[in-house]
Amino acid sequence: MKYALDTNAVSALMTGGLDVITPFRTWHRNDVGVPGPVVAKIQYGIMRLDASKKRQRLHDRFELLRSEIDLIA
């Protein structure tokens, strides 16, 4: 693995930040991972939001991202 995404990078991927998405597209899937504490922090942040379309949208995007990127233990 070459790249460990921090909370800001994961958040930018979830919200469409081109400064992260552009280089992300050039990396091989096996070269990218997300540390466990980052996963927990994003999940906690989503959980704290009031029930809304935004919360559901972020939850769905995060689950999609989790299915595509390995967790770093």
N, C-alpha and C. Protein backbone atom coordinates (compact mmCIF):
# COMPACT_ATOMS: atom_id res chain seq x y z
N MET A 1 0.84 -1.17 0.00
CA MET A 1 0.00 0.00 0.00
C MET A 1 0.89 1.24 0.00
N LYS A 2 0.45 2.23 -0.75
CA LYS A 2 1.23 3.46 -0.87
C LYS A 2 0.55 4.67 -0.24
N TYR A 3 -0.78 4.66 -0.17
CA TYR A 3 -1.50 5.84 0.29
C TYR A 3 -2.48 5.48 1.40
N ALA A 4 -2.37 6.17 2.52
CA ALA A 4 -3.34 6.06 3.61
C ALA A 4 -4.13 7.36 3.64
N LEU A 5 -5.42 7.25 3.44
CA LEU A 5 -6.26 8.45 3.40
C LEU A 5 -6.61 8.91 4.81
N ASP A 6 -6.46 10.21 5.04
CA ASP A 6 -6.86 10.76 6.33
C ASP A 6 -8.32 11.20 6.26
N THR A 7 -8.82 11.71 7.37
CA THR A 7 -10.23 12.10 7.46
C THR A 7 -10.59 13.15 6.41
N ASN A 8 -9.71 14.12 6.21
CA ASN A 8 -9.99 15.17 5.23
C ASN A 8 -10.08 14.61 3.81
N ALA A 9 -9.21 13.67 3.48
CA ALA A 9 -9.23 13.08 2.14
C ALA A 9 -10.50 12.25 1.93
N VAL A 10 -10.87 11.46 2.91
CA VAL A 10 -12.10 10.66 2.79
C VAL A 10 -13.31 11.57 2.67
N SER A 11 -13.35 12.60 3.48
CA SER A 11 -14.46 13.55 3.42
C SER A 11 -14.54 14.21 2.05
N ALA A 12 -13.39 14.59 1.50
CA ALA A 12 -13.36 15.23 0.17
C ALA A 12 -13.84 14.25 -0.90
N LEU A 13 -13.46 12.99 -0.80
CA LEU A 13 -13.95 11.99 -1.76
C LEU A 13 -15.46 11.85 -1.67
N MET A 14 -15.99 11.89 -0.46
CA MET A 14 -17.42 11.72 -0.26
C MET A 14 -18.22 12.91 -0.78
N THR A 15 -17.62 14.09 -0.75
CA THR A 15 -18.35 15.29 -1.15
C THR A 15 -17.96 15.81 -2.52
N GLY A 16 -17.08 15.08 -3.22
CA GLY A 16 -16.75 15.44 -4.59
C GLY A 16 -15.61 16.42 -4.74
N GLY A 17 -14.70 16.49 -3.77
CA GLY A 17 -13.56 17.40 -3.85
C GLY A 17 -12.59 17.00 -4.95
N LEU A 18 -12.51 17.81 -5.99
CA LEU A 18 -11.68 17.47 -7.15
C LEU A 18 -10.20 17.41 -6.82
N ASP A 19 -9.76 18.14 -5.80
CA ASP A 19 -8.35 18.10 -5.43
C ASP A 19 -7.93 16.73 -4.92
N VAL A 20 -8.87 15.93 -4.48
CA VAL A 20 -8.59 14.56 -4.03
C VAL A 20 -9.02 13.55 -5.09
N ILE A 21 -10.14 13.78 -5.72
CA ILE A 21 -10.67 12.82 -6.70
C ILE A 21 -9.73 12.66 -7.89
N THR A 22 -9.16 13.75 -8.37
CA THR A 22 -8.31 13.68 -9.55
C THR A 22 -7.11 12.75 -9.35
N PRO A 23 -6.29 12.93 -8.31
CA PRO A 23 -5.20 11.97 -8.14
C PRO A 23 -5.69 10.58 -7.75
N PHE A 24 -6.79 10.51 -7.01
CA PHE A 24 -7.33 9.23 -6.57
C PHE A 24 -7.64 8.32 -7.76
N ARG A 25 -8.12 8.90 -8.83
CA ARG A 25 -8.46 8.12 -10.03
C ARG A 25 -7.25 7.47 -10.68
N THR A 26 -6.08 8.01 -10.45
CA THR A 26 -4.87 7.47 -11.07
C THR A 26 -4.23 6.36 -10.24
N TRP A 27 -4.65 6.19 -9.00
CA TRP A 27 -4.06 5.19 -8.11
C TRP A 27 -4.76 3.85 -8.28
N HIS A 28 -4.01 2.80 -8.12
CA HIS A 28 -4.58 1.46 -8.13
C HIS A 28 -5.30 1.22 -6.81
N ARG A 29 -6.42 0.55 -6.86
CA ARG A 29 -7.24 0.30 -5.67
C ARG A 29 -6.46 -0.34 -4.53
N ASN A 30 -5.54 -1.24 -4.85
CA ASN A 30 -4.75 -1.91 -3.80
C ASN A 30 -3.69 -1.02 -3.18
N ASP A 31 -3.46 0.14 -3.76
CA ASP A 31 -2.47 1.07 -3.22
C ASP A 31 -3.05 2.07 -2.23
N VAL A 32 -4.35 1.98 -1.97
CA VAL A 32 -5.03 2.96 -1.12
C VAL A 32 -5.71 2.24 0.05
N GLY A 33 -5.62 2.84 1.23
CA GLY A 33 -6.29 2.29 2.40
C GLY A 33 -6.75 3.39 3.33
N VAL A 34 -7.65 3.03 4.22
CA VAL A 34 -8.19 3.97 5.21
C VAL A 34 -7.94 3.38 6.60
N PRO A 35 -7.24 4.11 7.46
CA PRO A 35 -7.02 3.62 8.83
C PRO A 35 -8.33 3.51 9.62
N GLY A 36 -8.38 2.54 10.52
CA GLY A 36 -9.56 2.33 11.34
C GLY A 36 -10.07 3.56 12.06
N PRO A 37 -9.18 4.37 12.68
CA PRO A 37 -9.67 5.57 13.36
C PRO A 37 -10.36 6.56 12.42
N VAL A 38 -9.94 6.61 11.16
CA VAL A 38 -10.60 7.49 10.19
C VAL A 38 -12.01 6.98 9.91
N VAL A 39 -12.14 5.69 9.74
CA VAL A 39 -13.46 5.08 9.51
C VAL A 39 -14.38 5.42 10.68
N ALA A 40 -13.87 5.23 11.89
CA ALA A 40 -14.68 5.49 13.09
C ALA A 40 -15.09 6.96 13.17
N LYS A 41 -14.18 7.85 12.87
CA LYS A 41 -14.48 9.29 12.95
C LYS A 41 -15.54 9.69 11.93
N ILE A 42 -15.44 9.18 10.71
CA ILE A 42 -16.43 9.49 9.68
C ILE A 42 -17.79 8.91 10.07
N GLN A 43 -17.81 7.67 10.53
CA GLN A 43 -19.08 7.05 10.96
C GLN A 43 -19.72 7.85 12.08
N TYR A 44 -18.92 8.28 13.04
CA TYR A 44 -19.43 9.06 14.17
C TYR A 44 -20.02 10.39 13.68
N GLY A 45 -19.31 11.03 12.78
CA GLY A 45 -19.80 12.31 12.25
C GLY A 45 -21.12 12.16 11.52
N ILE A 46 -21.25 11.10 10.74
CA ILE A 46 -22.50 10.85 10.02
C ILE A 46 -23.62 10.54 11.00
N MET A 47 -23.30 9.73 12.00
CA MET A 47 -24.31 9.33 12.99
C MET A 47 -24.85 10.54 13.76
N ARG A 48 -24.02 11.53 13.98
CA ARG A 48 -24.44 12.71 14.74
C ARG A 48 -25.37 13.64 13.98
N LEU A 49 -25.41 13.51 12.66
CA LEU A 49 -26.30 14.35 11.87
C LEU A 49 -27.75 13.99 12.14
N ASP A 50 -28.62 14.98 12.07
CA ASP A 50 -30.05 14.71 12.15
C ASP A 50 -30.46 13.85 10.96
N ALA A 51 -31.48 13.04 11.16
CA ALA A 51 -31.99 12.22 10.07
C ALA A 51 -32.43 13.15 8.94
N SER A 52 -31.83 12.97 7.77
CA SER A 52 -32.12 13.84 6.64
C SER A 52 -31.61 13.19 5.36
N LYS A 53 -31.93 13.82 4.24
CA LYS A 53 -31.43 13.33 2.96
C LYS A 53 -29.90 13.46 2.92
N LYS A 54 -29.38 14.52 3.50
CA LYS A 54 -27.93 14.71 3.52
C LYS A 54 -27.25 13.58 4.29
N ARG A 55 -27.78 13.25 5.45
CA ARG A 55 -27.21 12.17 6.24
C ARG A 55 -27.25 10.86 5.46
N GLN A 56 -28.35 10.56 4.82
CA GLN A 56 -28.47 9.33 4.04
C GLN A 56 -27.51 9.33 2.87
N ARG A 57 -27.39 10.47 2.20
CA ARG A 57 -26.48 10.58 1.06
C ARG A 57 -25.03 10.34 1.49
N LEU A 58 -24.61 10.97 2.61
CA LEU A 58 -23.26 10.77 3.11
C LEU A 58 -23.04 9.33 3.55
N HIS A 59 -24.03 8.75 4.20
CA HIS A 59 -23.93 7.35 4.62
C HIS A 59 -23.74 6.44 3.41
N ASP A 60 -24.54 6.65 2.38
CA ASP A 60 -24.46 5.82 1.18
C ASP A 60 -23.10 5.97 0.50
N ARG A 61 -22.63 7.20 0.40
CA ARG A 61 -21.32 7.44 -0.23
C ARG A 61 -20.20 6.81 0.59
N PHE A 62 -20.30 6.90 1.91
CA PHE A 62 -19.27 6.31 2.75
C PHE A 62 -19.26 4.79 2.61
N GLU A 63 -20.42 4.18 2.58
CA GLU A 63 -20.50 2.73 2.42
C GLU A 63 -19.93 2.30 1.07
N LEU A 64 -20.19 3.07 0.03
CA LEU A 64 -19.62 2.78 -1.28
C LEU A 64 -18.10 2.88 -1.23
N LEU A 65 -17.60 3.92 -0.62
CA LEU A 65 -16.16 4.11 -0.49
C LEU A 65 -15.54 2.96 0.31
N ARG A 66 -16.19 2.57 1.40
CA ARG A 66 -15.68 1.46 2.22
C ARG A 66 -15.63 0.16 1.44
N SER A 67 -16.56 -0.03 0.52
CA SER A 67 -16.57 -1.26 -0.26
C SER A 67 -15.46 -1.28 -1.31
N GLU A 68 -14.93 -0.11 -1.64
CA GLU A 68 -13.91 -0.02 -2.67
C GLU A 68 -12.48 0.12 -2.15
N ILE A 69 -12.34 0.54 -0.88
CA ILE A 69 -11.01 0.81 -0.33
C ILE A 69 -10.79 -0.07 0.90
N ASP A 70 -9.59 -0.62 1.01
CA ASP A 70 -9.26 -1.50 2.12
C ASP A 70 -9.12 -0.72 3.44
N LEU A 71 -9.47 -1.40 4.50
CA LEU A 71 -9.30 -0.86 5.84
C LEU A 71 -7.88 -1.21 6.30
N ILE A 72 -7.19 -0.24 6.86
CA ILE A 72 -5.86 -0.47 7.42
C ILE A 72 -6.05 -0.69 8.91
N ALA A 73 -5.73 -1.86 9.37
CA ALA A 73 -5.92 -2.20 10.79
C ALA A 73 -4.88 -1.54 11.67
